[in-house]
Amino acid sequence: MMNILEKQNLSALFEGEPEPLESEEEIEDLILAIGGFERDVEFYKRLKKRRVEQIDLEIRKAQFSQERFREIIKLTLKKTGRKSLKFPGVGKVSTRKNKGTWTIDDENGLLDYLKDNLSEEDYNHLVKTDIKLVKSNVNKVLDVLERSGEVPEMVKREDDKISISVSVDERSYDLDDQSPSEYNEELDDVLDDDVLDDADLVKDLDRLELDE
């Protein structure tokens, strides 16, 4: 039986709108491919995390060095009694006194104190309350309103969608294989800029969350 994921057939799967396969038996090839893509995602998650951690470390080192050198310059100016120095062609340094900021150790306690000691108007200027909809509960209310034909004009229901669940048998591939799937090189050729420019496909790819 011909594997529909062979390079000469793979491009057809990404051309235009999705089309059904010739036979149900061919679904097996796609299940195996989906299993490979799942491994791809896990591999790239690990790779991304590793690279992000390394980059974060370099950022922290650079930031620490900046603050260290700033402190050294500040102490040097204090030692020499200067508030500023100019280095032509390089830059300048200066110090200024900044008013100390308040640190609130007990926000709830402070709120109680202010509420008891300020007018209601003054107190309301100091606090804000974020009002957010509880989407799951709102959905239930909208379902009821829809049945009675009283849907508010500022909402609309999206079309129903059919979801698909694919379960990949782990025995179908080597669990020790942590590298990207065998289809990656072929996909690099198939998923060119023209294909990725398809708005619906890009929208689907954007929904793929690779963060932990």
Protein backbone atom coordinates (compact mmCIF):
# COMPACT_ATOMS: atom_id res chain seq x y z
CA MET A 1 0.00 0.00 0.00
CA MET A 2 1.34 3.44 -0.94
CA ASN A 3 2.08 5.77 1.96
CA ILE A 4 0.26 9.03 1.28
CA LEU A 5 2.96 10.89 3.21
CA GLU A 6 5.68 10.11 0.70
CA LYS A 7 7.17 13.30 -0.67
CA GLN A 8 5.36 13.17 -4.01
CA ASN A 9 2.00 12.89 -2.26
CA LEU A 10 2.61 15.13 0.77
CA SER A 11 2.23 18.42 -1.08
CA ALA A 12 -1.30 17.51 -2.16
CA LEU A 13 -2.37 17.40 1.49
CA PHE A 14 -1.55 21.10 1.88
CA GLU A 15 -2.94 22.41 -1.38
CA GLY A 16 -6.18 24.40 -1.21
CA GLU A 17 -8.92 23.33 1.18
CA PRO A 18 -8.60 20.01 3.07
CA GLU A 19 -10.05 17.08 1.12
CA PRO A 20 -11.10 13.63 2.37
CA LEU A 21 -8.77 10.71 1.74
CA GLU A 22 -9.43 8.09 -0.88
CA SER A 23 -9.94 5.41 1.75
CA GLU A 24 -10.27 5.01 5.50
CA GLU A 25 -7.16 2.83 5.57
CA GLU A 26 -5.05 5.85 4.68
CA ILE A 27 -6.00 7.47 7.99
CA GLU A 28 -3.41 5.16 9.56
CA ASP A 29 -0.62 7.09 7.82
CA LEU A 30 -1.92 10.38 9.22
CA ILE A 31 -2.18 8.96 12.75
CA LEU A 32 1.48 7.96 12.58
CA ALA A 33 2.35 11.42 11.26
CA ILE A 34 0.41 13.12 14.05
CA GLY A 35 2.35 11.05 16.56
CA GLY A 36 5.54 12.30 14.94
CA PHE A 37 4.36 15.90 15.09
CA GLU A 38 3.53 15.49 18.77
CA ARG A 39 7.14 14.46 19.33
CA ASP A 40 8.23 17.48 17.28
CA VAL A 41 6.31 19.83 19.55
CA GLU A 42 7.76 18.26 22.71
CA PHE A 43 11.27 18.38 21.22
CA TYR A 44 10.96 22.05 20.29
CA LYS A 45 9.43 22.88 23.67
CA ARG A 46 12.51 21.43 25.36
CA LEU A 47 14.82 23.15 22.89
CA LYS A 48 13.04 26.50 23.30
CA LYS A 49 13.14 26.23 27.09
CA ARG A 50 16.84 25.40 27.00
CA ARG A 51 17.67 28.33 24.74
CA VAL A 52 15.44 30.73 26.67
CA GLU A 53 17.14 29.73 29.91
CA GLN A 54 20.57 30.34 28.39
CA ILE A 55 19.54 33.71 26.95
CA ASP A 56 17.92 34.72 30.25
CA LEU A 57 21.17 33.89 32.01
CA GLU A 58 23.13 36.15 29.65
CA ILE A 59 20.59 38.95 30.16
CA ARG A 60 20.85 38.62 33.94
CA LYS A 61 24.66 38.68 33.72
CA ALA A 62 24.59 41.81 31.57
CA GLN A 63 22.06 43.54 33.85
CA PHE A 64 24.05 42.64 36.95
CA SER A 65 27.23 44.00 35.35
CA GLN A 66 25.45 47.23 34.41
CA GLU A 67 24.21 47.80 37.95
CA ARG A 68 27.60 46.87 39.40
CA PHE A 69 29.39 49.43 37.24
CA ARG A 70 26.74 52.07 37.96
CA GLU A 71 27.31 51.55 41.68
CA ILE A 72 31.08 51.82 41.24
CA ILE A 73 30.66 55.10 39.31
CA LYS A 74 28.29 56.44 41.95
CA LEU A 75 30.73 55.64 44.76
CA THR A 76 33.58 57.22 42.79
CA LEU A 77 31.64 60.47 42.30
CA LYS A 78 30.75 60.48 45.98
CA LYS A 79 34.40 59.97 46.89
CA THR A 80 35.54 62.88 44.72
CA GLY A 81 32.63 65.11 45.73
CA ARG A 82 31.32 65.51 42.19
CA LYS A 83 27.72 65.31 41.04
CA SER A 84 28.50 64.94 37.35
CA LEU A 85 31.34 64.38 34.90
CA LYS A 86 31.47 64.68 31.12
CA PHE A 87 33.72 62.54 28.94
CA PRO A 88 33.76 64.11 25.44
CA GLY A 89 33.09 61.62 22.70
CA VAL A 90 32.15 58.95 25.22
CA GLY A 91 29.34 60.13 27.46
CA LYS A 92 28.61 61.66 30.82
CA VAL A 93 27.62 60.58 34.32
CA SER A 94 25.60 62.40 36.93
CA THR A 95 23.92 61.72 40.24
CA ARG A 96 20.73 63.09 41.70
CA LYS A 97 18.78 62.49 44.85
CA ASN A 98 15.52 60.60 44.28
CA LYS A 99 12.78 60.71 46.88
CA GLY A 100 12.39 57.37 48.63
CA THR A 101 9.36 55.30 47.63
CA TRP A 102 6.88 53.70 50.00
CA THR A 103 6.87 49.94 50.57
CA ILE A 104 3.48 48.53 51.54
CA ASP A 105 3.91 45.46 53.74
CA ASP A 106 0.19 44.84 54.36
CA GLU A 107 -2.04 46.08 51.55
CA ASN A 108 -5.29 44.87 53.13
CA GLY A 109 -4.40 46.53 56.42
CA LEU A 110 -3.63 49.78 54.64
CA LEU A 111 -6.95 49.61 52.76
CA ASP A 112 -8.80 49.20 56.05
CA TYR A 113 -6.90 52.14 57.57
CA LEU A 114 -7.59 54.43 54.61
CA LYS A 115 -11.26 53.44 54.49
CA ASP A 116 -11.65 54.31 58.19
CA ASN A 117 -9.72 57.58 57.99
CA LEU A 118 -10.63 59.09 54.62
CA SER A 119 -13.86 60.30 53.12
CA GLU A 120 -15.60 57.91 50.72
CA GLU A 121 -14.75 60.18 47.79
CA ASP A 122 -11.04 60.35 48.66
CA TYR A 123 -10.92 56.61 49.32
CA ASN A 124 -12.50 55.80 45.96
CA HIS A 125 -9.77 57.82 44.24
CA LEU A 126 -7.17 55.49 45.73
CA VAL A 127 -8.61 52.12 44.78
CA LYS A 128 -9.95 50.53 41.63
CA THR A 129 -12.00 47.40 41.06
CA ASP A 130 -11.62 45.40 37.86
CA ILE A 131 -14.94 43.94 36.72
CA LYS A 132 -14.62 40.91 34.48
CA LEU A 133 -17.20 38.55 33.06
CA VAL A 134 -17.16 34.94 34.23
CA LYS A 135 -17.30 33.54 30.70
CA SER A 136 -18.54 30.06 31.60
CA ASN A 137 -21.48 31.47 33.55
CA VAL A 138 -22.21 34.12 30.92
CA ASN A 139 -22.35 31.39 28.26
CA LYS A 140 -25.09 29.62 30.23
CA VAL A 141 -27.14 32.83 30.48
CA LEU A 142 -26.71 33.51 26.76
CA ASP A 143 -27.87 29.96 25.99
CA VAL A 144 -31.07 30.66 27.92
CA LEU A 145 -31.56 34.02 26.20
CA GLU A 146 -31.01 32.40 22.81
CA ARG A 147 -33.80 29.89 23.46
CA SER A 148 -36.16 32.75 24.28
CA GLY A 149 -35.06 34.79 21.26
CA GLU A 150 -33.62 37.61 23.36
CA VAL A 151 -29.93 37.55 22.44
CA PRO A 152 -28.32 40.97 23.13
CA GLU A 153 -27.15 42.74 19.98
CA MET A 154 -23.58 43.05 21.25
CA VAL A 155 -22.96 39.30 21.16
CA LYS A 156 -23.07 36.67 18.45
CA ARG A 157 -22.75 32.91 18.45
CA GLU A 158 -20.00 31.38 16.36
CA ASP A 159 -20.88 28.46 14.09
CA ASP A 160 -20.75 25.02 15.70
CA LYS A 161 -17.53 23.15 15.01
CA ILE A 162 -16.80 19.45 14.90
CA SER A 163 -13.67 18.50 16.80
CA ILE A 164 -11.52 15.45 16.15
CA SER A 165 -9.70 13.38 18.73
CA VAL A 166 -6.66 11.40 17.62
CA SER A 167 -5.06 8.83 19.92
CA VAL A 168 -1.61 7.64 18.93
CA ASP A 169 -0.47 4.23 20.17
CA GLU A 170 2.94 4.76 21.75
CA ARG A 171 4.01 1.36 20.49
CA SER A 172 3.89 2.75 16.95
CA TYR A 173 7.18 4.59 17.40
CA ASP A 174 10.41 4.34 19.34
CA LEU A 175 9.93 6.17 22.64
CA ASP A 176 13.69 6.75 22.88
CA ASP A 177 13.64 8.77 19.68
CA GLN A 178 13.59 12.38 20.89
CA SER A 179 14.45 14.02 17.56
CA PRO A 180 11.98 15.74 15.21
CA SER A 181 9.84 13.49 13.06
CA GLU A 182 10.96 12.03 9.76
CA TYR A 183 8.58 14.32 7.88
CA ASN A 184 10.29 17.59 8.82
CA GLU A 185 12.56 17.85 5.78
CA GLU A 186 9.68 17.10 3.42
CA LEU A 187 7.49 19.67 5.20
CA ASP A 188 10.18 22.31 4.78
CA ASP A 189 9.71 21.91 1.03
CA VAL A 190 5.91 21.62 1.10
CA LEU A 191 5.07 24.38 3.59
CA ASP A 192 6.62 27.21 1.62
CA ASP A 193 5.70 30.89 1.93
CA ASP A 194 2.80 30.56 -0.50
CA VAL A 195 1.15 27.87 1.61
CA LEU A 196 1.80 29.65 4.89
CA ASP A 197 0.31 32.84 3.47
CA ASP A 198 -3.06 31.10 3.52
CA ALA A 199 -4.97 33.05 6.18
CA ASP A 200 -6.83 30.08 7.66
CA LEU A 201 -3.68 28.01 7.97
CA VAL A 202 -1.73 30.82 9.60
CA LYS A 203 -4.63 31.33 12.01
CA ASP A 204 -4.48 27.66 12.96
CA LEU A 205 -0.72 27.78 13.42
CA ASP A 206 -1.01 30.87 15.60
CA ARG A 207 -3.20 28.91 18.00
CA LEU A 208 -0.40 26.39 18.56
CA GLU A 209 0.95 27.26 22.02
CA LEU A 210 4.54 26.07 22.50
CA ASP A 211 5.08 27.50 25.99
CA GLU A 212 4.86 25.33 29.03
